PDB file of N, CA and C in Angstrom:
ATOM      1  N   UNK A   1     -40.911 107.489  12.437  1.00  0.00           N
ATOM      2  CA  UNK A   1     -42.035 108.373  12.224  1.00  0.00           C
ATOM      3  C   UNK A   1     -43.320 107.556  12.169  1.00  0.00           C
ATOM      4  N   UNK A   2     -44.301 107.976  12.889  1.00  0.00           N
ATOM      5  CA  UNK A   2     -45.568 107.264  12.954  1.00  0.00           C
ATOM      6  C   UNK A   2     -46.492 107.707  11.819  1.00  0.00           C
ATOM      7  N   UNK A   3     -47.172 106.750  11.220  1.00  0.00           N
ATOM      8  CA  UNK A   3     -48.117 107.041  10.149  1.00  0.00           C
ATOM      9  C   UNK A   3     -49.465 107.405  10.770  1.00  0.00           C
ATOM     10  N   UNK A   4     -50.027 108.506  10.330  1.00  0.00           N
ATOM     11  CA  UNK A   4     -51.332 108.938  10.831  1.00  0.00           C
ATOM     12  C   UNK A   4     -52.407 108.144  10.095  1.00  0.00           C
ATOM     13  N   UNK A   5     -53.278 107.425  10.817  1.00  0.00           N
ATOM     14  CA  UNK A   5     -54.257 106.566  10.143  1.00  0.00           C
ATOM     15  C   UNK A   5     -55.405 107.325   9.469  1.00  0.00           C
ATOM     16  N   UNK A   6     -55.605 108.587   9.803  1.00  0.00           N
ATOM     17  CA  UNK A   6     -56.721 109.346   9.233  1.00  0.00           C
ATOM     18  C   UNK A   6     -56.340 109.869   7.847  1.00  0.00           C
ATOM     19  N   UNK A   7     -57.109 109.500   6.802  1.00  0.00           N
ATOM     20  CA  UNK A   7     -56.747 109.924   5.441  1.00  0.00           C
ATOM     21  C   UNK A   7     -56.797 111.430   5.230  1.00  0.00           C
ATOM     22  N   UNK A   8     -57.529 112.164   6.062  1.00  0.00           N
ATOM     23  CA  UNK A   8     -57.586 113.620   5.890  1.00  0.00           C
ATOM     24  C   UNK A   8     -56.239 114.262   6.168  1.00  0.00           C
ATOM     25  N   UNK A   9     -55.403 113.600   6.929  1.00  0.00           N
ATOM     26  CA  UNK A   9     -54.088 114.148   7.241  1.00  0.00           C
ATOM     27  C   UNK A   9     -53.028 113.719   6.231  1.00  0.00           C
ATOM     28  N   UNK A  10     -53.365 112.812   5.333  1.00  0.00           N
ATOM     29  CA  UNK A  10     -52.379 112.350   4.365  1.00  0.00           C
ATOM     30  C   UNK A  10     -51.958 113.460   3.414  1.00  0.00           C
ATOM     31  N   UNK A  11     -52.821 114.430   3.173  1.00  0.00           N
ATOM     32  CA  UNK A  11     -52.493 115.520   2.256  1.00  0.00           C
ATOM     33  C   UNK A  11     -51.295 116.321   2.737  1.00  0.00           C
ATOM     34  N   UNK A  12     -51.026 116.274   4.025  1.00  0.00           N
ATOM     35  CA  UNK A  12     -49.876 117.001   4.568  1.00  0.00           C
ATOM     36  C   UNK A  12     -48.575 116.349   4.119  1.00  0.00           C
ATOM     37  N   UNK A  13     -48.571 115.030   3.961  1.00  0.00           N
ATOM     38  CA  UNK A  13     -47.342 114.304   3.676  1.00  0.00           C
ATOM     39  C   UNK A  13     -47.195 113.893   2.212  1.00  0.00           C
ATOM     40  N   UNK A  14     -48.249 114.003   1.412  1.00  0.00           N
ATOM     41  CA  UNK A  14     -48.197 113.549   0.021  1.00  0.00           C
ATOM     42  C   UNK A  14     -47.888 114.732  -0.890  1.00  0.00           C
ATOM     43  N   UNK A  15     -46.930 114.588  -1.802  1.00  0.00           N
ATOM     44  CA  UNK A  15     -46.645 115.658  -2.752  1.00  0.00           C
ATOM     45  C   UNK A  15     -47.865 115.931  -3.642  1.00  0.00           C
ATOM     46  N   UNK A  16     -48.032 117.166  -4.122  1.00  0.00           N
ATOM     47  CA  UNK A  16     -49.211 117.526  -4.908  1.00  0.00           C
ATOM     48  C   UNK A  16     -49.435 116.648  -6.140  1.00  0.00           C
ATOM     49  N   UNK A  17     -48.385 116.303  -6.856  1.00  0.00           N
ATOM     50  CA  UNK A  17     -48.554 115.477  -8.056  1.00  0.00           C
ATOM     51  C   UNK A  17     -49.058 114.078  -7.695  1.00  0.00           C
ATOM     52  N   UNK A  18     -48.563 113.503  -6.605  1.00  0.00           N
ATOM     53  CA  UNK A  18     -49.026 112.187  -6.166  1.00  0.00           C
ATOM     54  C   UNK A  18     -50.472 112.245  -5.688  1.00  0.00           C
ATOM     55  N   UNK A  19     -50.829 113.311  -4.993  1.00  0.00           N
ATOM     56  CA  UNK A  19     -52.206 113.464  -4.530  1.00  0.00           C
ATOM     57  C   UNK A  19     -53.158 113.572  -5.719  1.00  0.00           C
ATOM     58  N   UNK A  20     -52.748 114.289  -6.744  1.00  0.00           N
ATOM     59  CA  UNK A  20     -53.582 114.411  -7.941  1.00  0.00           C
ATOM     60  C   UNK A  20     -53.745 113.054  -8.619  1.00  0.00           C
ATOM     61  N   UNK A  21     -52.687 112.274  -8.668  1.00  0.00           N
ATOM     62  CA  UNK A  21     -52.762 110.947  -9.292  1.00  0.00           C
ATOM     63  C   UNK A  21     -53.665 110.006  -8.493  1.00  0.00           C
ATOM     64  N   UNK A  22     -53.664 110.140  -7.194  1.00  0.00           N
ATOM     65  CA  UNK A  22     -54.520 109.305  -6.358  1.00  0.00           C
ATOM     66  C   UNK A  22     -55.989 109.690  -6.532  1.00  0.00           C
ATOM     67  N   UNK A  23     -56.263 110.976  -6.646  1.00  0.00           N
ATOM     68  CA  UNK A  23     -57.639 111.455  -6.758  1.00  0.00           C
ATOM     69  C   UNK A  23     -58.230 111.288  -8.156  1.00  0.00           C
ATOM     70  N   UNK A  24     -57.388 111.100  -9.162  1.00  0.00           N
ATOM     71  CA  UNK A  24     -57.869 111.045 -10.544  1.00  0.00           C
ATOM     72  C   UNK A  24     -58.953 109.994 -10.785  1.00  0.00           C
ATOM     73  N   UNK A  25     -58.810 108.733 -10.338  1.00  0.00           N
ATOM     74  CA  UNK A  25     -59.886 107.762 -10.580  1.00  0.00           C
ATOM     75  C   UNK A  25     -61.211 108.173  -9.946  1.00  0.00           C
ATOM     76  N   UNK A  26     -61.166 108.721  -8.739  1.00  0.00           N
ATOM     77  CA  UNK A  26     -62.392 109.170  -8.084  1.00  0.00           C
ATOM     78  C   UNK A  26     -63.041 110.314  -8.859  1.00  0.00           C
ATOM     79  N   UNK A  27     -62.249 111.263  -9.296  1.00  0.00           N
ATOM     80  CA  UNK A  27     -62.788 112.391 -10.047  1.00  0.00           C
ATOM     81  C   UNK A  27     -63.340 111.945 -11.399  1.00  0.00           C
ATOM     82  N   UNK A  28     -62.692 110.986 -12.048  1.00  0.00           N
ATOM     83  CA  UNK A  28     -63.205 110.460 -13.322  1.00  0.00           C
ATOM     84  C   UNK A  28     -64.544 109.760 -13.113  1.00  0.00           C
ATOM     85  N   UNK A  29     -64.662 108.992 -12.031  1.00  0.00           N
ATOM     86  CA  UNK A  29     -65.935 108.319 -11.745  1.00  0.00           C
ATOM     87  C   UNK A  29     -67.039 109.334 -11.473  1.00  0.00           C
ATOM     88  N   UNK A  30     -66.719 110.405 -10.786  1.00  0.00           N
ATOM     89  CA  UNK A  30     -67.707 111.448 -10.531  1.00  0.00           C
ATOM     90  C   UNK A  30     -68.127 112.121 -11.838  1.00  0.00           C
ATOM     91  N   UNK A  31     -67.173 112.349 -12.719  1.00  0.00           N
ATOM     92  CA  UNK A  31     -67.493 112.949 -14.012  1.00  0.00           C
ATOM     93  C   UNK A  31     -68.394 112.038 -14.837  1.00  0.00           C
ATOM     94  N   UNK A  32     -68.106 110.749 -14.832  1.00  0.00           N
ATOM     95  CA  UNK A  32     -68.942 109.816 -15.577  1.00  0.00           C
ATOM     96  C   UNK A  32     -70.358 109.761 -15.013  1.00  0.00           C
ATOM     97  N   UNK A  33     -70.476 109.872 -13.696  1.00  0.00           N
ATOM     98  CA  UNK A  33     -71.794 109.836 -13.075  1.00  0.00           C
ATOM     99  C   UNK A  33     -72.621 111.073 -13.421  1.00  0.00           C
ATOM    100  N   UNK A  34     -71.974 112.201 -13.634  1.00  0.00           N
ATOM    101  CA  UNK A  34     -72.709 113.430 -13.888  1.00  0.00           C
ATOM    102  C   UNK A  34     -72.714 113.885 -15.331  1.00  0.00           C
ATOM    103  N   UNK A  35     -72.220 113.066 -16.240  1.00  0.00           N
ATOM    104  CA  UNK A  35     -72.075 113.510 -17.625  1.00  0.00           C
ATOM    105  C   UNK A  35     -73.414 113.718 -18.329  1.00  0.00           C
ATOM    106  N   UNK A  36     -74.460 113.008 -17.915  1.00  0.00           N
ATOM    107  CA  UNK A  36     -75.743 113.144 -18.605  1.00  0.00           C
ATOM    108  C   UNK A  36     -76.313 114.553 -18.460  1.00  0.00           C
ATOM    109  N   UNK A  37     -75.931 115.261 -17.410  1.00  0.00           N
ATOM    110  CA  UNK A  37     -76.387 116.636 -17.228  1.00  0.00           C
ATOM    111  C   UNK A  37     -75.801 117.545 -18.297  1.00  0.00           C
ATOM    112  N   UNK A  38     -74.587 117.247 -18.725  1.00  0.00           N
ATOM    113  CA  UNK A  38     -73.879 118.128 -19.644  1.00  0.00           C
ATOM    114  C   UNK A  38     -73.955 117.691 -21.103  1.00  0.00           C
ATOM    115  N   UNK A  39     -74.663 116.626 -21.396  1.00  0.00           N
ATOM    116  CA  UNK A  39     -74.778 116.189 -22.785  1.00  0.00           C
ATOM    117  C   UNK A  39     -75.450 117.273 -23.614  1.00  0.00           C
ATOM    118  N   UNK A  40     -74.861 117.587 -24.733  1.00  0.00           N
ATOM    119  CA  UNK A  40     -75.396 118.622 -25.607  1.00  0.00           C
ATOM    120  C   UNK A  40     -74.939 120.019 -25.254  1.00  0.00           C
ATOM    121  N   UNK A  41     -74.115 120.171 -24.253  1.00  0.00           N
ATOM    122  CA  UNK A  41     -73.623 121.490 -23.844  1.00  0.00           C
ATOM    123  C   UNK A  41     -72.113 121.550 -24.059  1.00  0.00           C
ATOM    124  N   UNK A  42     -71.683 121.360 -25.268  1.00  0.00           N
ATOM    125  CA  UNK A  42     -70.257 121.304 -25.581  1.00  0.00           C
ATOM    126  C   UNK A  42     -69.655 122.681 -25.827  1.00  0.00           C
ATOM    127  N   UNK A  43     -70.429 123.748 -25.663  1.00  0.00           N
ATOM    128  CA  UNK A  43     -69.915 125.085 -25.929  1.00  0.00           C
ATOM    129  C   UNK A  43     -68.818 125.500 -24.952  1.00  0.00           C
ATOM    130  N   UNK A  44     -68.787 124.911 -23.765  1.00  0.00           N
ATOM    131  CA  UNK A  44     -67.758 125.251 -22.782  1.00  0.00           C
ATOM    132  C   UNK A  44     -66.523 124.349 -22.851  1.00  0.00           C
ATOM    133  N   UNK A  45     -66.531 123.380 -23.751  1.00  0.00           N
ATOM    134  CA  UNK A  45     -65.415 122.439 -23.852  1.00  0.00           C
ATOM    135  C   UNK A  45     -64.068 123.138 -24.081  1.00  0.00           C
ATOM    136  N   UNK A  46     -63.953 124.091 -25.019  1.00  0.00           N
ATOM    137  CA  UNK A  46     -62.646 124.740 -25.212  1.00  0.00           C
ATOM    138  C   UNK A  46     -62.161 125.475 -23.965  1.00  0.00           C
ATOM    139  N   UNK A  47     -63.059 126.063 -23.223  1.00  0.00           N
ATOM    140  CA  UNK A  47     -62.674 126.760 -21.994  1.00  0.00           C
ATOM    141  C   UNK A  47     -62.135 125.762 -20.974  1.00  0.00           C
ATOM    142  N   UNK A  48     -62.814 124.628 -20.832  1.00  0.00           N
ATOM    143  CA  UNK A  48     -62.373 123.608 -19.888  1.00  0.00           C
ATOM    144  C   UNK A  48     -60.999 123.058 -20.224  1.00  0.00           C
ATOM    145  N   UNK A  49     -60.777 122.775 -21.487  1.00  0.00           N
ATOM    146  CA  UNK A  49     -59.471 122.265 -21.929  1.00  0.00           C
ATOM    147  C   UNK A  49     -58.394 123.317 -21.700  1.00  0.00           C
ATOM    148  N   UNK A  50     -58.716 124.561 -21.995  1.00  0.00           N
ATOM    149  CA  UNK A  50     -57.747 125.645 -21.776  1.00  0.00           C
ATOM    150  C   UNK A  50     -57.380 125.813 -20.322  1.00  0.00           C
ATOM    151  N   UNK A  51     -58.364 125.712 -19.438  1.00  0.00           N
ATOM    152  CA  UNK A  51     -58.114 125.855 -18.003  1.00  0.00           C
ATOM    153  C   UNK A  51     -57.281 124.690 -17.479  1.00  0.00           C
ATOM    154  N   UNK A  52     -57.525 123.499 -17.998  1.00  0.00           N
ATOM    155  CA  UNK A  52     -56.729 122.337 -17.593  1.00  0.00           C
ATOM    156  C   UNK A  52     -55.263 122.540 -17.966  1.00  0.00           C
ATOM    157  N   UNK A  53     -55.011 122.978 -19.191  1.00  0.00           N
ATOM    158  CA  UNK A  53     -53.628 123.207 -19.616  1.00  0.00           C
ATOM    159  C   UNK A  53     -53.001 124.377 -18.870  1.00  0.00           C
ATOM    160  N   UNK A  54     -53.790 125.382 -18.532  1.00  0.00           N
ATOM    161  CA  UNK A  54     -53.260 126.491 -17.729  1.00  0.00           C
ATOM    162  C   UNK A  54     -52.838 126.001 -16.350  1.00  0.00           C
ATOM    163  N   UNK A  55     -53.654 125.156 -15.716  1.00  0.00           N
ATOM    164  CA  UNK A  55     -53.297 124.596 -14.420  1.00  0.00           C
ATOM    165  C   UNK A  55     -52.044 123.734 -14.484  1.00  0.00           C
ATOM    166  N   UNK A  56     -51.918 122.964 -15.554  1.00  0.00           N
ATOM    167  CA  UNK A  56     -50.723 122.150 -15.751  1.00  0.00           C
ATOM    168  C   UNK A  56     -49.488 123.026 -15.928  1.00  0.00           C
ATOM    169  N   UNK A  57     -49.623 124.061 -16.725  1.00  0.00           N
ATOM    170  CA  UNK A  57     -48.520 125.000 -16.949  1.00  0.00           C
ATOM    171  C   UNK A  57     -48.139 125.674 -15.632  1.00  0.00           C
ATOM    172  N   UNK A  58     -49.170 126.108 -14.870  1.00  0.00           N
ATOM    173  CA  UNK A  58     -48.928 126.782 -13.601  1.00  0.00           C
ATOM    174  C   UNK A  58     -48.240 125.850 -12.611  1.00  0.00           C
ATOM    175  N   UNK A  59     -48.651 124.595 -12.573  1.00  0.00           N
ATOM    176  CA  UNK A  59     -48.070 123.620 -11.646  1.00  0.00           C
ATOM    177  C   UNK A  59     -46.591 123.392 -11.932  1.00  0.00           C
ATOM    178  N   UNK A  60     -46.215 123.412 -13.198  1.00  0.00           N
ATOM    179  CA  UNK A  60     -44.817 123.166 -13.564  1.00  0.00           C
ATOM    180  C   UNK A  60     -43.936 124.398 -13.404  1.00  0.00           C
ATOM    181  N   UNK A  61     -44.510 125.591 -13.421  1.00  0.00           N
ATOM    182  CA  UNK A  61     -43.720 126.815 -13.466  1.00  0.00           C
ATOM    183  C   UNK A  61     -43.474 127.473 -12.115  1.00  0.00           C
ATOM    184  N   UNK A  62     -44.382 127.286 -11.160  1.00  0.00           N
ATOM    185  CA  UNK A  62     -44.227 128.008  -9.895  1.00  0.00           C
ATOM    186  C   UNK A  62     -44.071 127.022  -8.735  1.00  0.00           C
ATOM    187  N   UNK A  63     -43.476 127.489  -7.636  1.00  0.00           N
ATOM    188  CA  UNK A  63     -43.317 126.618  -6.455  1.00  0.00           C
ATOM    189  C   UNK A  63     -44.670 126.179  -5.893  1.00  0.00           C
ATOM    190  N   UNK A  64     -44.668 125.066  -5.196  1.00  0.00           N
ATOM    191  CA  UNK A  64     -45.907 124.485  -4.656  1.00  0.00           C
ATOM    192  C   UNK A  64     -46.634 125.457  -3.733  1.00  0.00           C
ATOM    193  N   UNK A  65     -45.901 126.213  -2.925  1.00  0.00           N
ATOM    194  CA  UNK A  65     -46.539 127.155  -2.003  1.00  0.00           C
ATOM    195  C   UNK A  65     -47.369 128.177  -2.767  1.00  0.00           C
ATOM    196  N   UNK A  66     -46.795 128.761  -3.798  1.00  0.00           N
ATOM    197  CA  UNK A  66     -47.530 129.764  -4.578  1.00  0.00           C
ATOM    198  C   UNK A  66     -48.630 129.123  -5.412  1.00  0.00           C
ATOM    199  N   UNK A  67     -48.418 127.896  -5.883  1.00  0.00           N
ATOM    200  CA  UNK A  67     -49.464 127.191  -6.622  1.00  0.00           C
ATOM    201  C   UNK A  67     -50.699 127.037  -5.747  1.00  0.00           C
ATOM    202  N   UNK A  68     -50.512 126.582  -4.512  1.00  0.00           N
ATOM    203  CA  UNK A  68     -51.638 126.393  -3.617  1.00  0.00           C
ATOM    204  C   UNK A  68     -52.273 127.722  -3.219  1.00  0.00           C
ATOM    205  N   UNK A  69     -51.479 128.770  -3.091  1.00  0.00           N
ATOM    206  CA  UNK A  69     -52.059 130.085  -2.793  1.00  0.00           C
ATOM    207  C   UNK A  69     -52.971 130.543  -3.926  1.00  0.00           C
ATOM    208  N   UNK A  70     -52.522 130.348  -5.159  1.00  0.00           N
ATOM    209  CA  UNK A  70     -53.346 130.731  -6.308  1.00  0.00           C
ATOM    210  C   UNK A  70     -54.612 129.885  -6.353  1.00  0.00           C
ATOM    211  N   UNK A  71     -54.478 128.572  -6.172  1.00  0.00           N
ATOM    212  CA  UNK A  71     -55.634 127.682  -6.218  1.00  0.00           C
ATOM    213  C   UNK A  71     -56.621 128.023  -5.104  1.00  0.00           C
ATOM    214  N   UNK A  72     -56.130 128.272  -3.893  1.00  0.00           N
ATOM    215  CA  UNK A  72     -57.034 128.622  -2.796  1.00  0.00           C
ATOM    216  C   UNK A  72     -57.720 129.960  -3.050  1.00  0.00           C
ATOM    217  N   UNK A  73     -57.028 130.902  -3.653  1.00  0.00           N
ATOM    218  CA  UNK A  73     -57.652 132.189  -3.978  1.00  0.00           C
ATOM    219  C   UNK A  73     -58.774 131.995  -4.999  1.00  0.00           C
ATOM    220  N   UNK A  74     -58.525 131.186  -6.025  1.00  0.00           N
ATOM    221  CA  UNK A  74     -59.556 130.913  -7.027  1.00  0.00           C
ATOM    222  C   UNK A  74     -60.742 130.180  -6.395  1.00  0.00           C
ATOM    223  N   UNK A  75     -60.463 129.212  -5.536  1.00  0.00           N
ATOM    224  CA  UNK A  75     -61.544 128.501  -4.850  1.00  0.00           C
ATOM    225  C   UNK A  75     -62.344 129.432  -3.944  1.00  0.00           C
ATOM    226  N   UNK A  76     -61.664 130.347  -3.280  1.00  0.00           N
ATOM    227  CA  UNK A  76     -62.358 131.303  -2.428  1.00  0.00           C
ATOM    228  C   UNK A  76     -63.276 132.198  -3.257  1.00  0.00           C
ATOM    229  N   UNK A  77     -62.766 132.701  -4.383  1.00  0.00           N
ATOM    230  CA  UNK A  77     -63.588 133.550  -5.240  1.00  0.00           C
ATOM    231  C   UNK A  77     -64.785 132.787  -5.804  1.00  0.00           C
ATOM    232  N   UNK A  78     -64.551 131.558  -6.244  1.00  0.00           N
ATOM    233  CA  UNK A  78     -65.640 130.742  -6.777  1.00  0.00           C
ATOM    234  C   UNK A  78     -66.679 130.438  -5.692  1.00  0.00           C
ATOM    235  N   UNK A  79     -66.221 130.061  -4.516  1.00  0.00           N
ATOM    236  CA  UNK A  79     -67.127 129.795  -3.412  1.00  0.00           C
ATOM    237  C   UNK A  79     -67.911 131.029  -2.997  1.00  0.00           C
ATOM    238  N   UNK A  80     -67.256 132.184  -3.006  1.00  0.00           N
ATOM    239  CA  UNK A  80     -67.940 133.433  -2.666  1.00  0.00           C
ATOM    240  C   UNK A  80     -69.037 133.741  -3.673  1.00  0.00           C
ATOM    241  N   UNK A  81     -68.744 133.538  -4.951  1.00  0.00           N
ATOM    242  CA  UNK A  81     -69.743 133.774  -5.994  1.00  0.00           C
ATOM    243  C   UNK A  81     -70.929 132.819  -5.836  1.00  0.00           C
ATOM    244  N   UNK A  82     -70.662 131.537  -5.576  1.00  0.00           N
ATOM    245  CA  UNK A  82     -71.727 130.568  -5.373  1.00  0.00           C
ATOM    246  C   UNK A  82     -72.558 130.903  -4.131  1.00  0.00           C
ATOM    247  N   UNK A  83     -71.895 131.319  -3.083  1.00  0.00           N
ATOM    248  CA  UNK A  83     -72.607 131.710  -1.864  1.00  0.00           C
ATOM    249  C   UNK A  83     -73.489 132.929  -2.128  1.00  0.00           C
ATOM    250  N   UNK A  84     -72.953 133.907  -2.836  1.00  0.00           N
ATOM    251  CA  UNK A  84     -73.724 135.112  -3.172  1.00  0.00           C
ATOM    252  C   UNK A  84     -74.951 134.741  -4.017  1.00  0.00           C
ATOM    253  N   UNK A  85     -74.749 133.881  -5.020  1.00  0.00           N
ATOM    254  CA  UNK A  85     -75.866 133.445  -5.854  1.00  0.00           C
ATOM    255  C   UNK A  85     -76.921 132.700  -5.043  1.00  0.00           C
ATOM    256  N   UNK A  86     -76.474 131.879  -4.110  1.00  0.00           N
ATOM    257  CA  UNK A  86     -77.414 131.135  -3.287  1.00  0.00           C
ATOM    258  C   UNK A  86     -78.201 132.021  -2.337  1.00  0.00           C
ATOM    259  N   UNK A  87     -77.537 133.014  -1.776  1.00  0.00           N
ATOM    260  CA  UNK A  87     -78.204 133.906  -0.819  1.00  0.00           C
ATOM    261  C   UNK A  87     -79.190 134.831  -1.535  1.00  0.00           C
ATOM    262  N   UNK A  88     -78.794 135.332  -2.698  1.00  0.00           N
ATOM    263  CA  UNK A  88     -79.675 136.265  -3.426  1.00  0.00           C
ATOM    264  C   UNK A  88     -80.708 135.554  -4.276  1.00  0.00           C
ATOM    265  N   UNK A  89     -80.623 134.244  -4.382  1.00  0.00           N
ATOM    266  CA  UNK A  89     -81.609 133.490  -5.158  1.00  0.00           C
ATOM    267  C   UNK A  89     -81.422 133.627  -6.648  1.00  0.00           C
ATOM    268  N   UNK A  90     -80.197 133.836  -7.073  1.00  0.00           N
ATOM    269  CA  UNK A  90     -79.864 134.019  -8.498  1.00  0.00           C
ATOM    270  C   UNK A  90     -80.643 135.186  -9.015  1.00  0.00           C
TER     271      UNK A  90
END
């Protein structure tokens, strides 16, 4: 089997848990870079922690196909809301 050199295609062959582990350092660095924006806004912290544990629970309980369907649906809804806000000017 030939290895595809383009990293965008690696997601096809990497299991979801391994992909998450690979992306974690990059996501942590992005969070550290943007943390000054959120300083003093700790009111959403419990919601964030709850959503993280919900995603973990969901990942362990349902098959990968349905997990990705749920995640893509949530991303679609979030993207639609952001697009609507951008078009209407908030």
